[in-house]
Amino acid sequence: MKTIKRILLLLILSLSACNFNKVEKIEKPEEPQKEEVKIITVGMKNVDFELNPILAKKESDIILSELLFASLITNDKTGNPMPYIAKSWKFSEDSKSLTFDLRDDVYFSDGSKLTAQDVIHTYMAIGDSSYNGPYKEYVKALKGMKEYADNKGEFVALSSENENTVTFHFNNSNENNIWRANIPILSKAHYKDIRGNIEKLKKLNKNPIGAGPFKLKEFKDDEIIMEVNDKYFYDKPKVEAIKFLKLAPQDILPALRDGTIDINLNFNFSKLNKKIISDTLGENINILEYPKGDYSYISLNLKGEVFANKNVRKALMFGINRKAFIEDYYGLNGARLINNSFSADSWVYDEESEKKLEQYDYDEEKANELLEKEGYIRNSNGIREKDGKVLSIRISSYKNVDWISKFVPVLKDNWSKLGIKVESEYLDFDSMEKIIADQKYQARIGSWKYNLDPDQSAVFHSMEMFKGGNNSQGFNNKLSDELLKKAGKSKDSKERIKLYSDWSKLINDELPYLFLYNPNKMDLVRKQITGLENLSTFVKFSNPAVITKLEKKN
């Protein structure tokens, strides 16, 4: 035994001696390289991370929710309807019913199939009396909705013959009603038991189940991550995930500069900001500049004695130096002056008809003439009076809106030169919405999104004059109502263009709004991001035609 131990010891020593001066490095086998995740980071301001599509109110939250959910239809770059969940649709002979044939390959992100019952359930939620979200206006045209909301009738607005067919029933025969189908669809199985308590939906905010191109992966207070929904029925996105960061406005540009974010959507457009961007970010950033999907206006309460007078409204319009404000705030080409409510991107926009409208260029002399014609004479203090009453205007507007805070002083200066006593107030969102709903204001400044369809009934038809209606200014014109009704019912595009041109001429003369301008917007994009082009007025970042092209190059 001792002999064996001695031999083993000698062998060990021998081997050690042989390798004393040369230690062989043992290489670990190479691990397979993981492909870099194609993720894009988007910086967002003014966002609550409200991921339920029927509750989201802010523009940023709407974009987020529409990446997670899908609707029956969406819109193309010209604002026309295009198939999405629905593969086709057909109006009834009287245009009071609209039937959609659904794709049979649409699944929610949890693997459950989307059917007609999910569509019906979504509209039942919006029609519930406890709902007070942005789609409330969408369902007013649906049959029996008021009775259903008041618990005085069954839900009859939508019906279904089978799981792949759903029919909408309307109160009127307006074919613009197709846009009532542009609402993201909820899962009935997931968003359940909400009758009388839509607030229950908020509890599911961190667990959204939709049929959109992405699904939620991670939710934090200041960050969410979405990954591609492998159940998505449409063209698959090229990126694998999108990270959204909640940032303060002052942190946007530094985050773009150091590469923390790749995209910022809807950066506040102004001449000053454009210069700051160029000076700060240099050539590494593409600035995408295009018309914003809304227009700015001043609404006058036409029920008041003063503003019921059309010549007074015209005087006020001539008395606003819109061009000077645009050039000072936005830059020379930062916004488009408007004289009606049609977007230049709309298919009904007629350039020749537009040129024939009164342009309301700034004309202080003409404004003064119109006021004097209506009996408003300057007193010893230079303030205009009529029948012993001072001509005074109180301007109400949302607070903490940059362009408004810059515009109001200009407006006050312009109108004061006409001999008008002008006061202003800035209100928070809820207070502003209340005076609008109650129609208790003199003049208010706001903005309105261009409709996908050119129909303007929601704002200017007399049927919307009720308390809480969109026609809070109280514009009541029989000819306007007739033209809107005819245009809405017409199935002939040329006829509709003619009718809306006639209506536009009427509105331009009557001035139920003092139309201001259509501003541009900016998206800031790092140059390695491709597929995001200048969008039209009607196309959002979340549009499937946009999101499926988005790509990040190394």
Protein backbone atom coordinates (compact mmCIF):
# COMPACT_ATOMS: atom_id res chain seq x y z
CA MET A 1 0.00 0.00 0.00
CA LYS A 2 2.88 2.41 0.87
CA THR A 3 4.44 1.63 -2.51
CA ILE A 4 1.21 2.60 -4.33
CA LYS A 5 0.95 5.91 -2.42
CA ARG A 6 4.58 6.72 -3.19
CA ILE A 7 4.00 6.11 -6.92
CA LEU A 8 0.89 8.35 -6.93
CA LEU A 9 2.75 11.13 -5.14
CA LEU A 10 5.62 10.98 -7.63
CA LEU A 11 3.17 11.09 -10.50
CA ILE A 12 1.44 14.19 -9.08
CA LEU A 13 4.75 15.97 -8.49
CA SER A 14 5.90 15.09 -11.97
CA LEU A 15 2.80 16.54 -13.55
CA SER A 16 3.07 19.64 -11.45
CA ALA A 17 6.64 20.19 -12.48
CA CYS A 18 5.81 19.86 -16.10
CA ASN A 19 3.18 22.65 -15.88
CA PHE A 20 4.82 24.98 -13.37
CA ASN A 21 6.05 27.50 -15.92
CA LYS A 22 3.13 27.20 -18.33
CA VAL A 23 -0.44 27.41 -17.15
CA GLU A 24 -2.95 26.55 -19.85
CA LYS A 25 -5.94 28.91 -19.84
CA ILE A 26 -9.15 26.97 -20.13
CA GLU A 27 -11.55 28.89 -22.41
CA LYS A 28 -15.24 28.78 -21.59
CA PRO A 29 -17.43 27.86 -24.51
CA GLU A 30 -18.91 30.95 -26.13
CA GLU A 31 -22.50 31.65 -25.19
CA PRO A 32 -24.81 32.28 -28.10
CA GLN A 33 -25.28 36.03 -28.70
CA LYS A 34 -28.73 37.27 -27.89
CA GLU A 35 -30.33 39.45 -30.51
CA GLU A 36 -30.81 43.02 -29.34
CA VAL A 37 -34.46 43.71 -28.56
CA LYS A 38 -35.88 46.17 -31.05
CA ILE A 39 -37.34 48.66 -28.58
CA ILE A 40 -38.23 52.29 -29.11
CA THR A 41 -38.52 54.74 -26.23
CA VAL A 42 -41.09 57.53 -26.39
CA GLY A 43 -41.06 60.49 -24.02
CA MET A 44 -44.48 61.85 -23.11
CA LYS A 45 -45.72 64.88 -21.23
CA ASN A 46 -49.21 65.53 -19.90
CA VAL A 47 -50.03 61.84 -19.61
CA ASP A 48 -51.79 59.88 -16.86
CA PHE A 49 -51.13 56.36 -18.22
CA GLU A 50 -54.87 55.79 -18.45
CA LEU A 51 -54.91 52.60 -20.52
CA ASN A 52 -58.62 52.06 -20.82
CA PRO A 53 -59.66 53.39 -24.24
CA ILE A 54 -63.15 54.57 -23.31
CA LEU A 55 -61.89 56.43 -20.22
CA ALA A 56 -58.75 58.04 -21.68
CA LYS A 57 -59.29 61.79 -22.16
CA LYS A 58 -55.86 63.29 -22.77
CA GLU A 59 -54.40 63.01 -26.27
CA SER A 60 -51.34 61.15 -24.98
CA ASP A 61 -53.45 58.61 -23.10
CA ILE A 62 -55.67 58.06 -26.14
CA ILE A 63 -52.58 57.20 -28.21
CA LEU A 64 -51.46 54.68 -25.57
CA SER A 65 -54.84 53.01 -25.25
CA GLU A 66 -55.29 52.72 -29.01
CA LEU A 67 -52.01 50.81 -29.25
CA LEU A 68 -53.56 48.20 -26.95
CA PHE A 69 -57.06 48.12 -28.42
CA ALA A 70 -58.63 47.99 -31.87
CA SER A 71 -61.86 49.38 -33.33
CA LEU A 72 -64.23 48.18 -36.04
CA ILE A 73 -62.91 50.80 -38.44
CA THR A 74 -60.08 53.28 -38.53
CA ASN A 75 -59.15 56.00 -41.00
CA ASP A 76 -56.70 56.42 -43.82
CA LYS A 77 -54.49 59.47 -44.39
CA THR A 78 -57.28 61.38 -46.09
CA GLY A 79 -59.70 60.83 -43.25
CA ASN A 80 -61.82 58.22 -45.02
CA PRO A 81 -62.95 55.06 -43.19
CA MET A 82 -60.96 51.88 -43.72
CA PRO A 83 -61.54 48.33 -42.42
CA TYR A 84 -59.94 47.20 -39.19
CA ILE A 85 -61.78 44.64 -37.06
CA ALA A 86 -64.64 44.87 -39.55
CA LYS A 87 -63.78 43.60 -43.01
CA SER A 88 -66.81 45.21 -44.65
CA TRP A 89 -70.00 47.13 -43.91
CA LYS A 90 -73.32 48.02 -45.51
CA PHE A 91 -76.04 50.58 -44.81
CA SER A 92 -79.70 49.67 -45.01
CA GLU A 93 -81.89 51.19 -47.69
CA ASP A 94 -82.99 54.04 -45.39
CA SER A 95 -79.43 54.42 -43.96
CA LYS A 96 -80.80 54.03 -40.42
CA SER A 97 -79.03 50.72 -39.90
CA LEU A 98 -75.42 49.78 -40.54
CA THR A 99 -74.22 46.16 -40.55
CA PHE A 100 -70.58 45.17 -40.08
CA ASP A 101 -69.06 41.84 -41.02
CA LEU A 102 -66.23 41.11 -38.60
CA ARG A 103 -62.99 39.33 -39.36
CA ASP A 104 -62.93 35.83 -37.89
CA ASP A 105 -59.24 35.98 -36.92
CA VAL A 106 -59.37 38.71 -34.27
CA TYR A 107 -58.29 37.66 -30.78
CA PHE A 108 -57.69 39.60 -27.59
CA SER A 109 -54.22 39.52 -26.08
CA ASP A 110 -55.37 36.86 -23.57
CA GLY A 111 -56.21 34.49 -26.43
CA SER A 112 -60.00 34.85 -26.34
CA LYS A 113 -61.80 35.50 -29.63
CA LEU A 114 -63.38 38.90 -30.29
CA THR A 115 -67.02 38.55 -31.29
CA ALA A 116 -70.07 40.71 -31.88
CA GLN A 117 -70.96 40.37 -28.18
CA ASP A 118 -67.77 42.21 -27.22
CA VAL A 119 -68.77 45.05 -29.55
CA ILE A 120 -72.26 45.24 -28.05
CA HIS A 121 -70.84 45.13 -24.51
CA THR A 122 -68.54 48.07 -25.26
CA TYR A 123 -71.41 50.25 -26.44
CA MET A 124 -73.53 49.22 -23.47
CA ALA A 125 -70.73 50.46 -21.22
CA ILE A 126 -70.56 53.81 -23.03
CA GLY A 127 -74.34 54.16 -22.96
CA ASP A 128 -74.53 53.55 -19.21
CA SER A 129 -75.67 56.47 -17.08
CA SER A 130 -72.49 56.24 -14.99
CA TYR A 131 -70.26 56.83 -18.04
CA ASN A 132 -68.91 60.34 -18.56
CA GLY A 133 -65.99 59.78 -20.92
CA PRO A 134 -65.03 61.14 -24.33
CA TYR A 135 -67.20 58.72 -26.32
CA LYS A 136 -70.43 59.85 -24.73
CA GLU A 137 -71.12 62.07 -27.76
CA TYR A 138 -70.55 59.15 -30.12
CA VAL A 139 -73.57 57.19 -28.97
CA LYS A 140 -76.18 59.95 -28.91
CA ALA A 141 -77.21 59.10 -32.47
CA LEU A 142 -77.85 55.44 -31.58
CA LYS A 143 -81.43 54.24 -31.17
CA GLY A 144 -82.82 54.03 -27.64
CA MET A 145 -79.61 55.15 -25.94
CA LYS A 146 -81.27 57.82 -23.80
CA GLU A 147 -83.93 55.39 -22.58
CA TYR A 148 -81.26 52.80 -21.82
CA ALA A 149 -79.17 55.31 -19.85
CA ASP A 150 -82.23 56.37 -17.85
CA ASN A 151 -83.15 52.72 -17.10
CA LYS A 152 -86.39 53.19 -19.02
CA GLY A 153 -85.72 50.71 -21.81
CA GLU A 154 -83.66 47.76 -23.01
CA PHE A 155 -80.47 48.15 -25.02
CA VAL A 156 -81.56 48.21 -28.69
CA ALA A 157 -78.80 50.32 -30.25
CA LEU A 158 -76.86 47.30 -31.51
CA SER A 159 -77.94 43.79 -32.42
CA SER A 160 -76.34 40.64 -33.73
CA GLU A 161 -77.40 37.63 -35.77
CA ASN A 162 -74.18 35.70 -35.16
CA GLU A 163 -70.74 36.19 -33.57
CA ASN A 164 -69.25 37.74 -36.72
CA THR A 165 -72.02 40.21 -37.56
CA VAL A 166 -73.18 43.28 -35.67
CA THR A 167 -75.76 45.90 -36.70
CA PHE A 168 -75.94 49.50 -35.48
CA HIS A 169 -79.38 51.14 -35.31
CA PHE A 170 -79.59 54.95 -35.55
CA ASN A 171 -82.16 57.64 -34.86
CA ASN A 172 -81.51 59.29 -38.20
CA SER A 173 -80.33 58.38 -41.70
CA ASN A 174 -77.04 60.32 -41.70
CA GLU A 175 -74.35 58.16 -43.33
CA ASN A 176 -71.71 59.99 -41.32
CA ASN A 177 -72.87 57.67 -38.56
CA ILE A 178 -70.26 55.21 -39.74
CA TRP A 179 -67.82 57.04 -37.46
CA ARG A 180 -69.83 55.84 -34.47
CA ALA A 181 -67.99 52.58 -35.09
CA ASN A 182 -64.58 54.14 -34.49
CA ILE A 183 -64.50 53.13 -30.81
CA PRO A 184 -61.91 50.68 -29.35
CA ILE A 185 -63.54 47.39 -28.38
CA LEU A 186 -63.41 45.97 -24.83
CA SER A 187 -63.41 42.30 -23.89
CA LYS A 188 -66.79 41.39 -22.36
CA ALA A 189 -65.20 38.62 -20.29
CA HIS A 190 -62.53 40.92 -18.87
CA TYR A 191 -64.42 44.20 -18.46
CA LYS A 192 -67.57 42.81 -16.88
CA ASP A 193 -70.25 43.72 -14.33
CA ILE A 194 -69.99 47.45 -14.95
CA ARG A 195 -73.66 48.44 -15.21
CA GLY A 196 -74.14 51.48 -12.99
CA ASN A 197 -70.47 51.68 -12.05
CA ILE A 198 -68.14 52.39 -14.92
CA GLU A 199 -65.53 53.43 -12.35
CA LYS A 200 -64.86 49.71 -11.94
CA LEU A 201 -62.94 49.93 -15.19
CA LYS A 202 -60.26 52.04 -13.51
CA LYS A 203 -59.32 49.07 -11.35
CA LEU A 204 -58.28 47.18 -14.46
CA ASN A 205 -56.04 49.95 -15.73
CA LYS A 206 -52.85 48.01 -15.01
CA ASN A 207 -54.23 44.88 -16.64
CA PRO A 208 -55.63 45.92 -20.03
CA ILE A 209 -56.85 43.23 -22.42
CA GLY A 210 -57.29 44.42 -25.98
CA ALA A 211 -56.90 43.36 -29.62
CA GLY A 212 -54.44 46.08 -30.68
CA PRO A 213 -50.87 45.69 -32.00
CA PHE A 214 -49.33 45.72 -28.51
CA LYS A 215 -49.99 44.34 -25.04
CA LEU A 216 -48.87 45.66 -21.68
CA LYS A 217 -45.66 44.13 -20.32
CA GLU A 218 -44.74 46.41 -17.43
CA PHE A 219 -46.48 49.25 -15.58
CA LYS A 220 -44.70 51.75 -13.31
CA ASP A 221 -45.69 55.19 -12.06
CA ASP A 222 -43.46 56.96 -14.59
CA GLU A 223 -42.88 54.22 -17.15
CA ILE A 224 -44.77 51.57 -19.08
CA ILE A 225 -43.52 49.00 -21.55
CA MET A 226 -45.63 47.48 -24.30
CA GLU A 227 -44.57 44.44 -26.29
CA VAL A 228 -45.94 43.15 -29.57
CA ASN A 229 -49.24 41.34 -29.20
CA ASP A 230 -48.58 37.93 -30.78
CA LYS A 231 -52.35 37.55 -31.28
CA TYR A 232 -52.58 40.71 -33.39
CA PHE A 233 -54.57 40.15 -36.57
CA TYR A 234 -53.20 43.01 -38.67
CA ASP A 235 -49.69 43.63 -40.05
CA LYS A 236 -47.23 42.94 -37.24
CA PRO A 237 -45.09 45.86 -35.99
CA LYS A 238 -41.37 45.72 -36.83
CA VAL A 239 -40.36 46.82 -33.35
CA GLU A 240 -40.65 44.31 -30.53
CA ALA A 241 -41.51 46.73 -27.78
CA ILE A 242 -42.17 50.39 -27.02
CA LYS A 243 -41.24 52.04 -23.74
CA PHE A 244 -43.14 55.16 -22.71
CA LEU A 245 -41.56 57.52 -20.19
CA LYS A 246 -43.52 60.19 -18.32
CA LEU A 247 -41.40 63.34 -18.48
CA ALA A 248 -41.70 66.95 -17.42
CA PRO A 249 -41.72 69.37 -20.41
CA GLN A 250 -38.28 70.73 -19.52
CA ASP A 251 -36.79 67.21 -19.56
CA ILE A 252 -37.86 66.33 -23.11
CA LEU A 253 -34.98 67.91 -25.03
CA PRO A 254 -32.21 66.70 -22.67
CA ALA A 255 -33.64 63.17 -22.94
CA LEU A 256 -33.55 63.35 -26.75
CA ARG A 257 -30.04 64.77 -26.71
CA ASP A 258 -28.55 62.04 -24.52
CA GLY A 259 -30.47 59.21 -26.18
CA THR A 260 -32.77 58.41 -23.24
CA ILE A 261 -35.73 58.67 -25.60
CA ASP A 262 -36.06 58.21 -29.35
CA ILE A 263 -39.31 60.08 -29.99
CA ASN A 264 -41.33 62.90 -28.51
CA LEU A 265 -44.85 63.30 -29.87
CA ASN A 266 -46.64 66.62 -30.22
CA PHE A 267 -43.93 68.88 -28.87
CA ASN A 268 -45.35 72.32 -28.18
CA PHE A 269 -44.97 74.20 -31.43
CA SER A 270 -43.70 77.76 -31.23
CA LYS A 271 -41.08 79.87 -32.96
CA LEU A 272 -39.00 79.95 -29.77
CA ASN A 273 -39.19 76.20 -29.29
CA LYS A 274 -38.10 75.53 -32.88
CA LYS A 275 -34.96 77.62 -32.33
CA ILE A 276 -34.23 75.93 -29.00
CA ILE A 277 -34.60 72.50 -30.64
CA SER A 278 -32.19 73.37 -33.45
CA ASP A 279 -29.65 74.87 -31.05
CA THR A 280 -29.91 72.02 -28.54
CA LEU A 281 -30.23 68.89 -30.65
CA GLY A 282 -28.35 69.75 -33.80
CA GLU A 283 -28.48 67.35 -36.74
CA ASN A 284 -29.22 64.15 -34.81
CA ILE A 285 -32.96 64.85 -34.70
CA ASN A 286 -35.56 64.98 -37.43
CA ILE A 287 -38.27 67.57 -36.83
CA LEU A 288 -41.54 66.36 -38.33
CA GLU A 289 -43.81 69.34 -38.81
CA TYR A 290 -47.41 69.07 -40.02
CA PRO A 291 -50.89 70.51 -39.39
CA LYS A 292 -52.33 69.72 -36.01
CA GLY A 293 -55.72 68.06 -36.05
CA ASP A 294 -57.63 70.93 -34.50
CA TYR A 295 -58.40 74.59 -34.94
CA SER A 296 -58.45 77.50 -32.49
CA TYR A 297 -61.50 79.72 -32.10
CA ILE A 298 -63.38 82.19 -29.93
CA SER A 299 -66.93 81.22 -29.05
CA LEU A 300 -69.35 84.08 -28.33
CA ASN A 301 -72.56 83.50 -26.39
CA LEU A 302 -75.09 84.44 -29.05
CA LYS A 303 -77.92 84.52 -26.52
CA GLY A 304 -76.60 87.76 -25.15
CA GLU A 305 -77.89 91.00 -26.63
CA VAL A 306 -74.49 92.19 -27.81
CA PHE A 307 -73.28 89.08 -29.60
CA ALA A 308 -76.63 88.33 -31.19
CA ASN A 309 -75.74 91.19 -33.53
CA LYS A 310 -73.85 89.79 -36.55
CA ASN A 311 -72.13 93.09 -37.31
CA VAL A 312 -70.70 93.20 -33.80
CA ARG A 313 -69.30 89.70 -34.30
CA LYS A 314 -67.77 90.80 -37.60
CA ALA A 315 -66.27 93.88 -35.97
CA LEU A 316 -64.64 91.69 -33.34
CA MET A 317 -63.30 89.38 -36.06
CA PHE A 318 -61.80 92.24 -38.09
CA GLY A 319 -60.34 93.56 -34.84
CA ILE A 320 -58.08 90.53 -34.20
CA ASN A 321 -54.57 90.70 -35.65
CA ARG A 322 -54.33 86.95 -36.16
CA LYS A 323 -51.46 87.13 -38.62
CA ALA A 324 -49.24 89.14 -36.28
CA PHE A 325 -49.86 86.69 -33.43
CA ILE A 326 -49.09 83.66 -35.61
CA GLU A 327 -45.84 85.15 -36.89
CA ASP A 328 -44.78 86.18 -33.39
CA TYR A 329 -45.67 82.92 -31.63
CA TYR A 330 -45.46 80.19 -34.28
CA GLY A 331 -43.26 81.72 -36.94
CA LEU A 332 -44.13 82.68 -40.50
CA ASN A 333 -45.46 79.27 -41.57
CA GLY A 334 -46.30 77.83 -38.17
CA ALA A 335 -50.07 77.99 -38.59
CA ARG A 336 -52.74 78.49 -41.24
CA LEU A 337 -55.32 81.24 -40.94
CA ILE A 338 -58.85 79.83 -41.24
CA ASN A 339 -62.21 81.36 -41.95
CA ASN A 340 -64.38 78.28 -41.44
CA SER A 341 -64.15 74.90 -39.72
CA PHE A 342 -62.89 72.70 -42.58
CA SER A 343 -59.40 71.27 -42.62
CA ALA A 344 -57.40 71.76 -45.81
CA ASP A 345 -56.72 68.00 -45.62
CA SER A 346 -60.41 67.14 -45.85
CA TRP A 347 -61.75 65.68 -49.08
CA VAL A 348 -64.56 68.26 -49.09
CA TYR A 349 -62.17 71.19 -48.90
CA ASP A 350 -62.56 73.29 -52.04
CA GLU A 351 -59.75 75.80 -52.55
CA GLU A 352 -61.66 77.92 -55.05
CA SER A 353 -64.67 78.20 -52.76
CA GLU A 354 -62.33 79.01 -49.88
CA LYS A 355 -60.84 81.96 -51.78
CA LYS A 356 -64.31 83.48 -52.25
CA LEU A 357 -64.96 83.64 -48.51
CA GLU A 358 -64.45 86.78 -46.45
CA GLN A 359 -60.84 86.48 -45.22
CA TYR A 360 -61.25 88.79 -42.20
CA ASP A 361 -57.80 90.29 -42.46
CA TYR A 362 -56.97 92.67 -39.63
CA ASP A 363 -58.75 95.95 -40.31
CA GLU A 364 -59.16 98.26 -37.31
CA GLU A 365 -60.88 100.93 -39.38
CA LYS A 366 -63.52 98.53 -40.68
CA ALA A 367 -64.11 97.14 -37.19
CA ASN A 368 -64.72 100.64 -35.84
CA GLU A 369 -67.11 101.44 -38.68
CA LEU A 370 -69.23 98.36 -37.97
CA LEU A 371 -69.44 99.13 -34.24
CA GLU A 372 -70.49 102.73 -34.91
CA LYS A 373 -73.04 101.54 -37.45
CA GLU A 374 -74.65 99.46 -34.69
CA GLY A 375 -74.78 102.44 -32.32
CA TYR A 376 -71.72 101.79 -30.17
CA ILE A 377 -70.23 105.26 -29.66
CA ARG A 378 -67.08 106.14 -27.70
CA ASN A 379 -67.65 108.10 -24.48
CA SER A 380 -65.27 110.69 -23.01
CA ASN A 381 -63.02 107.88 -21.79
CA GLY A 382 -62.84 106.28 -25.23
CA ILE A 383 -65.03 103.34 -24.16
CA ARG A 384 -67.92 102.43 -26.44
CA GLU A 385 -71.46 102.66 -25.12
CA LYS A 386 -74.95 102.02 -26.46
CA ASP A 387 -78.10 103.16 -24.68
CA GLY A 388 -75.98 103.97 -21.64
CA LYS A 389 -74.48 100.46 -21.46
CA VAL A 390 -70.72 99.97 -21.75
CA LEU A 391 -69.53 97.49 -24.38
CA SER A 392 -67.61 95.03 -22.24
CA ILE A 393 -66.39 91.47 -22.85
CA ARG A 394 -65.18 88.92 -20.35
CA ILE A 395 -62.90 86.31 -21.93
CA SER A 396 -62.85 82.87 -20.27
CA SER A 397 -60.17 80.33 -21.10
CA TYR A 398 -58.31 77.26 -19.83
CA LYS A 399 -55.34 78.01 -17.63
CA ASN A 400 -51.85 76.57 -18.12
CA VAL A 401 -52.20 76.43 -21.91
CA ASP A 402 -49.18 78.17 -23.41
CA TRP A 403 -50.67 79.56 -26.63
CA ILE A 404 -53.75 80.83 -24.79
CA SER A 405 -51.69 82.59 -22.13
CA LYS A 406 -49.79 84.34 -24.95
CA PHE A 407 -52.87 85.05 -27.08
CA VAL A 408 -55.19 86.57 -24.45
CA PRO A 409 -53.03 89.69 -23.82
CA VAL A 410 -52.84 90.25 -27.59
CA LEU A 411 -56.60 89.86 -27.92
CA LYS A 412 -57.26 92.25 -25.03
CA ASP A 413 -54.96 94.82 -26.60
CA ASN A 414 -56.61 94.43 -30.04
CA TRP A 415 -60.17 94.80 -28.74
CA SER A 416 -59.29 97.57 -26.29
CA LYS A 417 -58.14 99.67 -29.28
CA LEU A 418 -61.71 99.39 -30.57
CA GLY A 419 -63.01 101.02 -27.39
CA ILE A 420 -64.14 97.76 -25.77
CA LYS A 421 -63.69 97.12 -22.07
CA VAL A 422 -62.03 93.71 -21.89
CA GLU A 423 -61.51 91.44 -18.88
CA SER A 424 -60.15 87.89 -18.73
CA GLU A 425 -60.21 84.85 -16.49
CA TYR A 426 -58.27 81.58 -16.54
CA LEU A 427 -60.12 78.53 -15.25
CA ASP A 428 -59.11 74.97 -14.47
CA PHE A 429 -60.44 72.21 -16.72
CA ASP A 430 -63.50 71.26 -14.64
CA SER A 431 -64.55 74.88 -14.04
CA MET A 432 -64.20 75.70 -17.71
CA GLU A 433 -66.20 72.65 -18.74
CA LYS A 434 -68.96 73.62 -16.32
CA ILE A 435 -69.47 77.15 -17.67
CA ILE A 436 -69.52 75.69 -21.18
CA ALA A 437 -72.10 73.04 -20.27
CA ASP A 438 -74.20 75.63 -18.41
CA GLN A 439 -73.70 78.12 -21.27
CA LYS A 440 -72.73 80.79 -18.74
CA TYR A 441 -69.96 82.71 -20.44
CA GLN A 442 -69.59 85.74 -22.67
CA ALA A 443 -66.60 84.74 -24.76
CA ARG A 444 -64.36 81.72 -24.45
CA ILE A 445 -61.21 80.58 -26.18
CA GLY A 446 -60.80 76.97 -27.14
CA SER A 447 -59.94 74.47 -29.82
CA TRP A 448 -61.90 71.77 -31.63
CA LYS A 449 -60.60 68.68 -33.39
CA TYR A 450 -61.34 68.32 -37.06
CA ASN A 451 -63.85 65.58 -37.69
CA LEU A 452 -62.81 62.56 -39.71
CA ASP A 453 -66.00 63.14 -41.62
CA PRO A 454 -66.77 66.75 -42.62
CA ASP A 455 -70.18 66.73 -40.91
CA GLN A 456 -70.40 69.75 -38.57
CA SER A 457 -73.75 68.99 -36.95
CA ALA A 458 -72.20 68.16 -33.59
CA VAL A 459 -71.10 71.78 -33.13
CA PHE A 460 -73.37 73.97 -35.21
CA HIS A 461 -76.78 72.25 -35.51
CA SER A 462 -79.57 73.71 -33.38
CA MET A 463 -80.32 70.26 -31.95
CA GLU A 464 -77.07 70.58 -29.95
CA MET A 465 -78.21 73.75 -28.16
CA PHE A 466 -79.40 71.88 -25.06
CA LYS A 467 -77.57 72.23 -21.75
CA GLY A 468 -74.35 70.21 -22.07
CA GLY A 469 -74.60 70.15 -25.88
CA ASN A 470 -71.72 71.14 -28.13
CA ASN A 471 -73.60 74.12 -29.57
CA SER A 472 -73.07 76.07 -26.36
CA GLN A 473 -72.83 79.35 -28.30
CA GLY A 474 -76.52 79.03 -29.18
CA PHE A 475 -76.26 79.21 -32.96
CA ASN A 476 -79.76 78.69 -34.35
CA ASN A 477 -80.03 79.03 -38.11
CA LYS A 478 -82.66 77.19 -40.13
CA LEU A 479 -80.73 77.24 -43.42
CA SER A 480 -77.61 75.95 -41.67
CA ASP A 481 -79.59 73.05 -40.20
CA GLU A 482 -81.08 72.21 -43.62
CA LEU A 483 -77.72 72.22 -45.39
CA LEU A 484 -76.14 70.05 -42.70
CA LYS A 485 -79.03 67.59 -42.87
CA LYS A 486 -78.90 67.33 -46.67
CA ALA A 487 -75.11 66.94 -46.72
CA GLY A 488 -75.24 64.28 -44.04
CA LYS A 489 -77.85 62.20 -45.88
CA SER A 490 -76.31 62.53 -49.33
CA LYS A 491 -74.50 59.52 -50.79
CA ASP A 492 -73.02 61.54 -53.66
CA SER A 493 -69.56 62.95 -52.86
CA LYS A 494 -69.83 65.77 -55.43
CA GLU A 495 -73.18 66.81 -54.02
CA ARG A 496 -71.76 66.79 -50.50
CA ILE A 497 -68.85 69.01 -51.55
CA LYS A 498 -71.31 71.49 -53.05
CA LEU A 499 -73.56 71.44 -49.98
CA TYR A 500 -70.67 71.93 -47.58
CA SER A 501 -69.31 74.75 -49.74
CA ASP A 502 -72.71 76.47 -49.48
CA TRP A 503 -72.77 75.85 -45.74
CA SER A 504 -69.22 77.13 -45.37
CA LYS A 505 -70.21 80.39 -47.09
CA LEU A 506 -73.13 80.78 -44.68
CA ILE A 507 -70.96 80.12 -41.61
CA ASN A 508 -68.30 82.48 -42.86
CA ASP A 509 -70.93 85.23 -42.99
CA GLU A 510 -72.79 84.42 -39.76
CA LEU A 511 -69.67 83.77 -37.62
CA PRO A 512 -71.07 81.52 -34.88
CA TYR A 513 -67.38 81.14 -34.02
CA LEU A 514 -64.60 83.66 -34.50
CA PHE A 515 -62.29 81.27 -36.36
CA LEU A 516 -58.59 81.85 -35.64
CA TYR A 517 -56.11 79.39 -37.12
CA ASN A 518 -55.02 75.80 -37.58
CA PRO A 519 -51.61 75.40 -35.86
CA ASN A 520 -48.83 73.04 -36.82
CA LYS A 521 -47.44 70.40 -34.51
CA MET A 522 -44.02 68.84 -34.14
CA ASP A 523 -42.83 65.31 -33.54
CA LEU A 524 -39.15 65.04 -32.61
CA VAL A 525 -37.52 61.83 -33.82
CA ARG A 526 -33.93 60.56 -33.54
CA LYS A 527 -32.54 59.83 -37.01
CA GLN A 528 -32.12 56.09 -36.44
CA ILE A 529 -35.92 55.81 -36.22
CA THR A 530 -37.55 55.21 -39.60
CA GLY A 531 -41.11 54.74 -40.76
CA LEU A 532 -42.53 57.72 -38.90
CA GLU A 533 -43.43 60.26 -41.53
CA ASN A 534 -45.15 63.62 -41.43
CA LEU A 535 -48.68 62.68 -40.50
CA SER A 536 -51.84 64.24 -41.87
CA THR A 537 -54.38 66.05 -39.77
CA PHE A 538 -56.33 62.84 -39.31
CA VAL A 539 -53.65 60.23 -38.66
CA LYS A 540 -52.28 59.52 -35.19
CA PHE A 541 -49.15 57.72 -34.08
CA SER A 542 -51.33 54.78 -33.02
CA ASN A 543 -52.88 54.33 -36.46
CA PRO A 544 -52.08 50.77 -37.67
CA ALA A 545 -50.75 52.08 -40.97
CA VAL A 546 -48.18 54.10 -39.01
CA ILE A 547 -47.23 51.81 -36.17
CA THR A 548 -46.51 48.82 -38.43
CA LYS A 549 -43.87 50.82 -40.38
CA LEU A 550 -41.99 52.06 -37.34
CA GLU A 551 -38.44 50.72 -37.11
CA LYS A 552 -35.20 51.40 -35.22
CA LYS A 553 -31.94 51.15 -37.14
CA ASN A 554 -28.61 50.43 -35.46
